[in-house]
Amino acid sequence: KIERGSKVILYGAGHIGKCMKTQICTYNYCEICLWVDKRYKELGEEVHSTDEIQYVDYDKVLIAVENRGIAFEIYTDLLLMGVKRDCLVWYKEW
């Protein structure tokens, strides 16, 4: 669901998000144009607020969280922010 070379926003900076970031960077599969998490203030400079999504050119948003319920909440929040449904991918469906 994510093509090689795509511009991706990585949503999630917990264990799964960190693993996905490492994997994407190691294999140079796609470009992470933004890394976001609701807890961005606790996570350092590399992780940004979801508010930044509106300022970035991207192809997909990769939701990198394990819990299906939390992933659905994130999915819903992103839709409400104006992210198109076909841009959203949960990492388990990637």
PDB file of N, CA and C in Angstrom:
ATOM      1  N   LYS A   1       0.803  -1.198   0.000  1.00  0.00           N
ATOM      2  CA  LYS A   1       0.000   0.000   0.000  1.00  0.00           C
ATOM      3  C   LYS A   1       0.845   1.261   0.000  1.00  0.00           C
ATOM      4  N   ILE A   2       2.137   1.102   0.239  1.00  0.00           N
ATOM      5  CA  ILE A   2       3.058   2.230   0.136  1.00  0.00           C
ATOM      6  C   ILE A   2       4.091   1.874  -0.918  1.00  0.00           C
ATOM      7  N   GLU A   3       4.131   2.660  -1.958  1.00  0.00           N
ATOM      8  CA  GLU A   3       5.055   2.385  -3.052  1.00  0.00           C
ATOM      9  C   GLU A   3       6.467   2.850  -2.704  1.00  0.00           C
ATOM     10  N   ARG A   4       7.422   2.142  -3.239  1.00  0.00           N
ATOM     11  CA  ARG A   4       8.822   2.522  -3.050  1.00  0.00           C
ATOM     12  C   ARG A   4       9.012   3.953  -3.541  1.00  0.00           C
ATOM     13  N   GLY A   5       9.737   4.751  -2.751  1.00  0.00           N
ATOM     14  CA  GLY A   5      10.021   6.128  -3.110  1.00  0.00           C
ATOM     15  C   GLY A   5       8.963   7.125  -2.678  1.00  0.00           C
ATOM     16  N   SER A   6       7.888   6.653  -2.053  1.00  0.00           N
ATOM     17  CA  SER A   6       6.818   7.544  -1.594  1.00  0.00           C
ATOM     18  C   SER A   6       7.307   8.470  -0.489  1.00  0.00           C
ATOM     19  N   LYS A   7       6.650   9.625  -0.368  1.00  0.00           N
ATOM     20  CA  LYS A   7       6.885  10.535   0.749  1.00  0.00           C
ATOM     21  C   LYS A   7       5.894  10.152   1.840  1.00  0.00           C
ATOM     22  N   VAL A   8       6.422   9.804   3.011  1.00  0.00           N
ATOM     23  CA  VAL A   8       5.601   9.244   4.076  1.00  0.00           C
ATOM     24  C   VAL A   8       5.715  10.065   5.354  1.00  0.00           C
ATOM     25  N   ILE A   9       4.563  10.276   5.977  1.00  0.00           N
ATOM     26  CA  ILE A   9       4.537  10.788   7.343  1.00  0.00           C
ATOM     27  C   ILE A   9       4.432   9.570   8.238  1.00  0.00           C
ATOM     28  N   LEU A  10       5.345   9.423   9.148  1.00  0.00           N
ATOM     29  CA  LEU A  10       5.329   8.312  10.097  1.00  0.00           C
ATOM     30  C   LEU A  10       4.649   8.798  11.366  1.00  0.00           C
ATOM     31  N   TYR A  11       3.521   8.176  11.698  1.00  0.00           N
ATOM     32  CA  TYR A  11       2.759   8.567  12.888  1.00  0.00           C
ATOM     33  C   TYR A  11       2.975   7.510  13.962  1.00  0.00           C
ATOM     34  N   GLY A  12       3.647   7.894  15.020  1.00  0.00           N
ATOM     35  CA  GLY A  12       3.919   6.988  16.129  1.00  0.00           C
ATOM     36  C   GLY A  12       5.405   6.933  16.408  1.00  0.00           C
ATOM     37  N   ALA A  13       5.772   7.225  17.654  1.00  0.00           N
ATOM     38  CA  ALA A  13       7.187   7.224  18.018  1.00  0.00           C
ATOM     39  C   ALA A  13       7.448   6.306  19.205  1.00  0.00           C
ATOM     40  N   GLY A  14       6.560   5.346  19.387  1.00  0.00           N
ATOM     41  CA  GLY A  14       6.782   4.318  20.395  1.00  0.00           C
ATOM     42  C   GLY A  14       7.641   3.215  19.798  1.00  0.00           C
ATOM     43  N   HIS A  15       7.555   2.035  20.370  1.00  0.00           N
ATOM     44  CA  HIS A  15       8.377   0.906  19.918  1.00  0.00           C
ATOM     45  C   HIS A  15       8.179   0.616  18.431  1.00  0.00           C
ATOM     46  N   ILE A  16       6.936   0.498  17.986  1.00  0.00           N
ATOM     47  CA  ILE A  16       6.656   0.168  16.585  1.00  0.00           C
ATOM     48  C   ILE A  16       7.132   1.292  15.667  1.00  0.00           C
ATOM     49  N   GLY A  17       6.866   2.534  16.033  1.00  0.00           N
ATOM     50  CA  GLY A  17       7.302   3.665  15.217  1.00  0.00           C
ATOM     51  C   GLY A  17       8.808   3.706  15.054  1.00  0.00           C
ATOM     52  N   LYS A  18       9.526   3.466  16.140  1.00  0.00           N
ATOM     53  CA  LYS A  18      10.994   3.458  16.072  1.00  0.00           C
ATOM     54  C   LYS A  18      11.483   2.321  15.178  1.00  0.00           C
ATOM     55  N   CYS A  19      10.864   1.159  15.306  1.00  0.00           N
ATOM     56  CA  CYS A  19      11.244   0.015  14.457  1.00  0.00           C
ATOM     57  C   CYS A  19      10.965   0.304  12.987  1.00  0.00           C
ATOM     58  N   MET A  20       9.806   0.898  12.703  1.00  0.00           N
ATOM     59  CA  MET A  20       9.454   1.225  11.322  1.00  0.00           C
ATOM     60  C   MET A  20      10.432   2.255  10.755  1.00  0.00           C
ATOM     61  N   LYS A  21      10.777   3.254  11.548  1.00  0.00           N
ATOM     62  CA  LYS A  21      11.715   4.280  11.091  1.00  0.00           C
ATOM     63  C   LYS A  21      13.060   3.655  10.748  1.00  0.00           C
ATOM     64  N   THR A  22      13.544   2.793  11.632  1.00  0.00           N
ATOM     65  CA  THR A  22      14.817   2.114  11.385  1.00  0.00           C
ATOM     66  C   THR A  22      14.752   1.287  10.114  1.00  0.00           C
ATOM     67  N   GLN A  23      13.664   0.539   9.948  1.00  0.00           N
ATOM     68  CA  GLN A  23      13.513  -0.322   8.773  1.00  0.00           C
ATOM     69  C   GLN A  23      13.460   0.507   7.489  1.00  0.00           C
ATOM     70  N   ILE A  24      12.674   1.571   7.498  1.00  0.00           N
ATOM     71  CA  ILE A  24      12.547   2.424   6.312  1.00  0.00           C
ATOM     72  C   ILE A  24      13.889   3.060   5.961  1.00  0.00           C
ATOM     73  N   CYS A  25      14.594   3.563   6.968  1.00  0.00           N
ATOM     74  CA  CYS A  25      15.892   4.201   6.727  1.00  0.00           C
ATOM     75  C   CYS A  25      16.948   3.193   6.291  1.00  0.00           C
ATOM     76  N   THR A  26      16.953   2.015   6.885  1.00  0.00           N
ATOM     77  CA  THR A  26      17.927   0.981   6.547  1.00  0.00           C
ATOM     78  C   THR A  26      17.796   0.540   5.091  1.00  0.00           C
ATOM     79  N   TYR A  27      16.560   0.327   4.652  1.00  0.00           N
ATOM     80  CA  TYR A  27      16.329  -0.183   3.300  1.00  0.00           C
ATOM     81  C   TYR A  27      16.048   0.920   2.284  1.00  0.00           C
ATOM     82  N   ASN A  28      16.021   2.180   2.757  1.00  0.00           N
ATOM     83  CA  ASN A  28      15.788   3.314   1.869  1.00  0.00           C
ATOM     84  C   ASN A  28      14.562   3.085   0.989  1.00  0.00           C
ATOM     85  N   TYR A  29      13.520   2.541   1.600  1.00  0.00           N
ATOM     86  CA  TYR A  29      12.313   2.164   0.859  1.00  0.00           C
ATOM     87  C   TYR A  29      11.502   3.379   0.432  1.00  0.00           C
ATOM     88  N   CYS A  30      11.361   4.328   1.333  1.00  0.00           N
ATOM     89  CA  CYS A  30      10.615   5.549   1.043  1.00  0.00           C
ATOM     90  C   CYS A  30      11.233   6.689   1.848  1.00  0.00           C
ATOM     91  N   GLU A  31      10.714   7.889   1.652  1.00  0.00           N
ATOM     92  CA  GLU A  31      11.235   9.063   2.345  1.00  0.00           C
ATOM     93  C   GLU A  31      10.306   9.421   3.501  1.00  0.00           C
ATOM     94  N   ILE A  32      10.836   9.470   4.705  1.00  0.00           N
ATOM     95  CA  ILE A  32      10.049   9.956   5.840  1.00  0.00           C
ATOM     96  C   ILE A  32      10.170  11.471   5.832  1.00  0.00           C
ATOM     97  N   CYS A  33       9.087  12.134   5.442  1.00  0.00           N
ATOM     98  CA  CYS A  33       9.131  13.595   5.350  1.00  0.00           C
ATOM     99  C   CYS A  33       8.727  14.256   6.666  1.00  0.00           C
ATOM    100  N   LEU A  34       8.112  13.484   7.575  1.00  0.00           N
ATOM    101  CA  LEU A  34       7.729  14.009   8.878  1.00  0.00           C
ATOM    102  C   LEU A  34       7.457  12.835   9.809  1.00  0.00           C
ATOM    103  N   TRP A  35       7.893  12.963  11.057  1.00  0.00           N
ATOM    104  CA  TRP A  35       7.633  11.950  12.083  1.00  0.00           C
ATOM    105  C   TRP A  35       6.820  12.642  13.168  1.00  0.00           C
ATOM    106  N   VAL A  36       5.623  12.145  13.439  1.00  0.00           N
ATOM    107  CA  VAL A  36       4.733  12.803  14.395  1.00  0.00           C
ATOM    108  C   VAL A  36       4.252  11.847  15.484  1.00  0.00           C
ATOM    109  N   ASP A  37       3.884  12.447  16.608  1.00  0.00           N
ATOM    110  CA  ASP A  37       3.314  11.696  17.721  1.00  0.00           C
ATOM    111  C   ASP A  37       2.643  12.715  18.639  1.00  0.00           C
ATOM    112  N   LYS A  38       1.560  12.319  19.274  1.00  0.00           N
ATOM    113  CA  LYS A  38       0.889  13.232  20.204  1.00  0.00           C
ATOM    114  C   LYS A  38       1.785  13.588  21.382  1.00  0.00           C
ATOM    115  N   ARG A  39       2.725  12.721  21.714  1.00  0.00           N
ATOM    116  CA  ARG A  39       3.632  12.963  22.847  1.00  0.00           C
ATOM    117  C   ARG A  39       4.946  13.591  22.383  1.00  0.00           C
ATOM    118  N   TYR A  40       4.897  14.328  21.304  1.00  0.00           N
ATOM    119  CA  TYR A  40       6.111  14.856  20.687  1.00  0.00           C
ATOM    120  C   TYR A  40       6.992  15.658  21.640  1.00  0.00           C
ATOM    121  N   LYS A  41       6.398  16.349  22.597  1.00  0.00           N
ATOM    122  CA  LYS A  41       7.190  17.173  23.513  1.00  0.00           C
ATOM    123  C   LYS A  41       8.121  16.330  24.377  1.00  0.00           C
ATOM    124  N   GLU A  42       7.746  15.098  24.623  1.00  0.00           N
ATOM    125  CA  GLU A  42       8.552  14.194  25.451  1.00  0.00           C
ATOM    126  C   GLU A  42       9.625  13.463  24.640  1.00  0.00           C
ATOM    127  N   LEU A  43       9.526  13.530  23.318  1.00  0.00           N
ATOM    128  CA  LEU A  43      10.303  12.628  22.475  1.00  0.00           C
ATOM    129  C   LEU A  43      11.484  13.248  21.740  1.00  0.00           C
ATOM    130  N   GLY A  44      11.728  14.526  21.902  1.00  0.00           N
ATOM    131  CA  GLY A  44      12.896  15.144  21.277  1.00  0.00           C
ATOM    132  C   GLY A  44      12.575  15.856  19.976  1.00  0.00           C
ATOM    133  N   GLU A  45      13.595  16.488  19.440  1.00  0.00           N
ATOM    134  CA  GLU A  45      13.456  17.350  18.273  1.00  0.00           C
ATOM    135  C   GLU A  45      12.999  16.638  17.011  1.00  0.00           C
ATOM    136  N   GLU A  46      13.320  15.384  16.882  1.00  0.00           N
ATOM    137  CA  GLU A  46      13.039  14.658  15.645  1.00  0.00           C
ATOM    138  C   GLU A  46      11.547  14.388  15.451  1.00  0.00           C
ATOM    139  N   VAL A  47      10.795  14.337  16.538  1.00  0.00           N
ATOM    140  CA  VAL A  47       9.362  14.028  16.486  1.00  0.00           C
ATOM    141  C   VAL A  47       8.570  15.324  16.635  1.00  0.00           C
ATOM    142  N   HIS A  48       7.569  15.483  15.774  1.00  0.00           N
ATOM    143  CA  HIS A  48       6.819  16.732  15.700  1.00  0.00           C
ATOM    144  C   HIS A  48       5.351  16.543  16.069  1.00  0.00           C
ATOM    145  N   SER A  49       4.679  17.663  16.240  1.00  0.00           N
ATOM    146  CA  SER A  49       3.247  17.696  16.513  1.00  0.00           C
ATOM    147  C   SER A  49       2.468  17.295  15.257  1.00  0.00           C
ATOM    148  N   THR A  50       1.313  16.718  15.464  1.00  0.00           N
ATOM    149  CA  THR A  50       0.450  16.381  14.328  1.00  0.00           C
ATOM    150  C   THR A  50      -0.008  17.642  13.594  1.00  0.00           C
ATOM    151  N   ASP A  51       0.072  18.789  14.229  1.00  0.00           N
ATOM    152  CA  ASP A  51      -0.296  20.051  13.578  1.00  0.00           C
ATOM    153  C   ASP A  51       0.585  20.336  12.363  1.00  0.00           C
ATOM    154  N   GLU A  52       1.778  19.777  12.346  1.00  0.00           N
ATOM    155  CA  GLU A  52       2.724  20.012  11.248  1.00  0.00           C
ATOM    156  C   GLU A  52       2.308  19.314   9.955  1.00  0.00           C
ATOM    157  N   ILE A  53       1.396  18.350  10.044  1.00  0.00           N
ATOM    158  CA  ILE A  53       0.992  17.587   8.868  1.00  0.00           C
ATOM    159  C   ILE A  53       0.485  18.498   7.754  1.00  0.00           C
ATOM    160  N   GLN A  54      -0.232  19.530   8.121  1.00  0.00           N
ATOM    161  CA  GLN A  54      -0.821  20.425   7.120  1.00  0.00           C
ATOM    162  C   GLN A  54       0.218  21.184   6.289  1.00  0.00           C
ATOM    163  N   TYR A  55       1.455  21.220   6.744  1.00  0.00           N
ATOM    164  CA  TYR A  55       2.497  21.983   6.060  1.00  0.00           C
ATOM    165  C   TYR A  55       3.438  21.127   5.215  1.00  0.00           C
ATOM    166  N   VAL A  56       3.157  19.828   5.150  1.00  0.00           N
ATOM    167  CA  VAL A  56       4.074  18.900   4.508  1.00  0.00           C
ATOM    168  C   VAL A  56       3.429  18.269   3.274  1.00  0.00           C
ATOM    169  N   ASP A  57       4.223  18.099   2.239  1.00  0.00           N
ATOM    170  CA  ASP A  57       3.795  17.388   1.040  1.00  0.00           C
ATOM    171  C   ASP A  57       4.084  15.899   1.268  1.00  0.00           C
ATOM    172  N   TYR A  58       3.072  15.061   1.169  1.00  0.00           N
ATOM    173  CA  TYR A  58       3.228  13.630   1.450  1.00  0.00           C
ATOM    174  C   TYR A  58       2.321  12.805   0.546  1.00  0.00           C
ATOM    175  N   ASP A  59       2.667  11.523   0.442  1.00  0.00           N
ATOM    176  CA  ASP A  59       1.835  10.580  -0.313  1.00  0.00           C
ATOM    177  C   ASP A  59       0.988   9.715   0.619  1.00  0.00           C
ATOM    178  N   LYS A  60       1.586   9.303   1.730  1.00  0.00           N
ATOM    179  CA  LYS A  60       0.912   8.409   2.673  1.00  0.00           C
ATOM    180  C   LYS A  60       1.228   8.809   4.101  1.00  0.00           C
ATOM    181  N   VAL A  61       0.333   8.433   5.012  1.00  0.00           N
ATOM    182  CA  VAL A  61       0.582   8.538   6.447  1.00  0.00           C
ATOM    183  C   VAL A  61       0.587   7.110   6.977  1.00  0.00           C
ATOM    184  N   LEU A  62       1.727   6.689   7.501  1.00  0.00           N
ATOM    185  CA  LEU A  62       1.881   5.343   8.038  1.00  0.00           C
ATOM    186  C   LEU A  62       1.636   5.390   9.540  1.00  0.00           C
ATOM    187  N   ILE A  63       0.560   4.757   9.976  1.00  0.00           N
ATOM    188  CA  ILE A  63       0.202   4.715  11.394  1.00  0.00           C
ATOM    189  C   ILE A  63       0.937   3.542  12.026  1.00  0.00           C
ATOM    190  N   ALA A  64       1.941   3.868  12.835  1.00  0.00           N
ATOM    191  CA  ALA A  64       2.844   2.862  13.392  1.00  0.00           C
ATOM    192  C   ALA A  64       2.563   2.648  14.877  1.00  0.00           C
ATOM    193  N   VAL A  65       1.403   2.084  15.151  1.00  0.00           N
ATOM    194  CA  VAL A  65       1.038   1.704  16.517  1.00  0.00           C
ATOM    195  C   VAL A  65       0.480   0.285  16.487  1.00  0.00           C
ATOM    196  N   GLU A  66       0.721  -0.457  17.550  1.00  0.00           N
ATOM    197  CA  GLU A  66       0.320  -1.866  17.624  1.00  0.00           C
ATOM    198  C   GLU A  66      -1.175  -2.043  17.853  1.00  0.00           C
ATOM    199  N   ASN A  67      -1.716  -1.283  18.780  1.00  0.00           N
ATOM    200  CA  ASN A  67      -3.093  -1.469  19.222  1.00  0.00           C
ATOM    201  C   ASN A  67      -4.087  -1.007  18.157  1.00  0.00           C
ATOM    202  N   ARG A  68      -4.970  -1.904  17.743  1.00  0.00           N
ATOM    203  CA  ARG A  68      -5.952  -1.611  16.692  1.00  0.00           C
ATOM    204  C   ARG A  68      -6.879  -0.465  17.101  1.00  0.00           C
ATOM    205  N   GLY A  69      -7.306  -0.424  18.359  1.00  0.00           N
ATOM    206  CA  GLY A  69      -8.199   0.631  18.833  1.00  0.00           C
ATOM    207  C   GLY A  69      -7.543   1.999  18.772  1.00  0.00           C
ATOM    208  N   ILE A  70      -6.292   2.067  19.207  1.00  0.00           N
ATOM    209  CA  ILE A  70      -5.563   3.339  19.143  1.00  0.00           C
ATOM    210  C   ILE A  70      -5.318   3.733  17.689  1.00  0.00           C
ATOM    211  N   ALA A  71      -4.994   2.759  16.855  1.00  0.00           N
ATOM    212  CA  ALA A  71      -4.790   3.042  15.425  1.00  0.00           C
ATOM    213  C   ALA A  71      -6.065   3.615  14.813  1.00  0.00           C
ATOM    214  N   PHE A  72      -7.215   3.071  15.197  1.00  0.00           N
ATOM    215  CA  PHE A  72      -8.486   3.580  14.677  1.00  0.00           C
ATOM    216  C   PHE A  72      -8.749   5.011  15.158  1.00  0.00           C
ATOM    217  N   GLU A  73      -8.404   5.300  16.411  1.00  0.00           N
ATOM    218  CA  GLU A  73      -8.554   6.674  16.924  1.00  0.00           C
ATOM    219  C   GLU A  73      -7.674   7.644  16.130  1.00  0.00           C
ATOM    220  N   ILE A  74      -6.451   7.244  15.875  1.00  0.00           N
ATOM    221  CA  ILE A  74      -5.533   8.070  15.097  1.00  0.00           C
ATOM    222  C   ILE A  74      -6.086   8.263  13.690  1.00  0.00           C
ATOM    223  N   TYR A  75      -6.545   7.194  13.091  1.00  0.00           N
ATOM    224  CA  TYR A  75      -7.138   7.206  11.746  1.00  0.00           C
ATOM    225  C   TYR A  75      -8.282   8.221  11.702  1.00  0.00           C
ATOM    226  N   THR A  76      -9.170   8.166  12.687  1.00  0.00           N
ATOM    227  CA  THR A  76     -10.308   9.076  12.759  1.00  0.00           C
ATOM    228  C   THR A  76      -9.852  10.520  12.942  1.00  0.00           C
ATOM    229  N   ASP A  77      -8.891  10.733  13.834  1.00  0.00           N
ATOM    230  CA  ASP A  77      -8.360  12.083  14.052  1.00  0.00           C
ATOM    231  C   ASP A  77      -7.757  12.660  12.769  1.00  0.00           C
ATOM    232  N   LEU A  78      -7.033  11.829  12.046  1.00  0.00           N
ATOM    233  CA  LEU A  78      -6.406  12.295  10.809  1.00  0.00           C
ATOM    234  C   LEU A  78      -7.456  12.654   9.758  1.00  0.00           C
ATOM    235  N   LEU A  79      -8.505  11.857   9.673  1.00  0.00           N
ATOM    236  CA  LEU A  79      -9.593  12.190   8.743  1.00  0.00           C
ATOM    237  C   LEU A  79     -10.203  13.539   9.098  1.00  0.00           C
ATOM    238  N   LEU A  80     -10.403  13.768  10.390  1.00  0.00           N
ATOM    239  CA  LEU A  80     -10.972  15.043  10.845  1.00  0.00           C
ATOM    240  C   LEU A  80     -10.036  16.212  10.560  1.00  0.00           C
ATOM    241  N   MET A  81      -8.743  15.924  10.469  1.00  0.00           N
ATOM    242  CA  MET A  81      -7.755  16.957  10.152  1.00  0.00           C
ATOM    243  C   MET A  81      -7.704  17.243   8.650  1.00  0.00           C
ATOM    244  N   GLY A  82      -8.402  16.445   7.871  1.00  0.00           N
ATOM    245  CA  GLY A  82      -8.423  16.655   6.432  1.00  0.00           C
ATOM    246  C   GLY A  82      -7.539  15.733   5.628  1.00  0.00           C
ATOM    247  N   VAL A  83      -6.912  14.749   6.279  1.00  0.00           N
ATOM    248  CA  VAL A  83      -6.097  13.777   5.553  1.00  0.00           C
ATOM    249  C   VAL A  83      -7.045  12.845   4.794  1.00  0.00           C
ATOM    250  N   LYS A  84      -6.750  12.623   3.527  1.00  0.00           N
ATOM    251  CA  LYS A  84      -7.616  11.771   2.696  1.00  0.00           C
ATOM    252  C   LYS A  84      -7.493  10.308   3.120  1.00  0.00           C
ATOM    253  N   ARG A  85      -8.614   9.635   3.097  1.00  0.00           N
ATOM    254  CA  ARG A  85      -8.695   8.228   3.512  1.00  0.00           C
ATOM    255  C   ARG A  85      -7.686   7.349   2.766  1.00  0.00           C
ATOM    256  N   ASP A  86      -7.514   7.574   1.471  1.00  0.00           N
ATOM    257  CA  ASP A  86      -6.613   6.721   0.700  1.00  0.00           C
ATOM    258  C   ASP A  86      -5.131   6.977   0.983  1.00  0.00           C
ATOM    259  N   CYS A  87      -4.847   7.979   1.800  1.00  0.00           N
ATOM    260  CA  CYS A  87      -3.460   8.257   2.210  1.00  0.00           C
ATOM    261  C   CYS A  87      -3.091   7.531   3.495  1.00  0.00           C
ATOM    262  N   LEU A  88      -4.067   6.958   4.188  1.00  0.00           N
ATOM    263  CA  LEU A  88      -3.838   6.377   5.512  1.00  0.00           C
ATOM    264  C   LEU A  88      -3.564   4.877   5.422  1.00  0.00           C
ATOM    265  N   VAL A  89      -2.478   4.463   6.070  1.00  0.00           N
ATOM    266  CA  VAL A  89      -2.091   3.055   6.073  1.00  0.00           C
ATOM    267  C   VAL A  89      -1.677   2.679   7.496  1.00  0.00           C
ATOM    268  N   TRP A  90      -2.276   1.624   8.029  1.00  0.00           N
ATOM    269  CA  TRP A  90      -1.848   1.075   9.307  1.00  0.00           C
ATOM    270  C   TRP A  90      -0.692   0.125   9.015  1.00  0.00           C
ATOM    271  N   TYR A  91       0.335   0.160   9.836  1.00  0.00           N
ATOM    272  CA  TYR A  91       1.558  -0.610   9.545  1.00  0.00           C
ATOM    273  C   TYR A  91       1.283  -2.101   9.355  1.00  0.00           C
ATOM    274  N   LYS A  92       0.265  -2.653  10.002  1.00  0.00           N
ATOM    275  CA  LYS A  92      -0.031  -4.081   9.859  1.00  0.00           C
ATOM    276  C   LYS A  92      -0.627  -4.399   8.484  1.00  0.00           C
ATOM    277  N   GLU A  93      -1.073  -3.367   7.775  1.00  0.00           N
ATOM    278  CA  GLU A  93      -1.637  -3.558   6.446  1.00  0.00           C
ATOM    279  C   GLU A  93      -0.639  -3.193   5.354  1.00  0.00           C
ATOM    280  N   TRP A  94       0.523  -2.706   5.754  1.00  0.00           N
ATOM    281  CA  TRP A  94       1.520  -2.261   4.811  1.00  0.00           C
ATOM    282  C   TRP A  94       2.043  -3.460   4.057  1.00  0.00           C
TER     283      TRP A  94
END
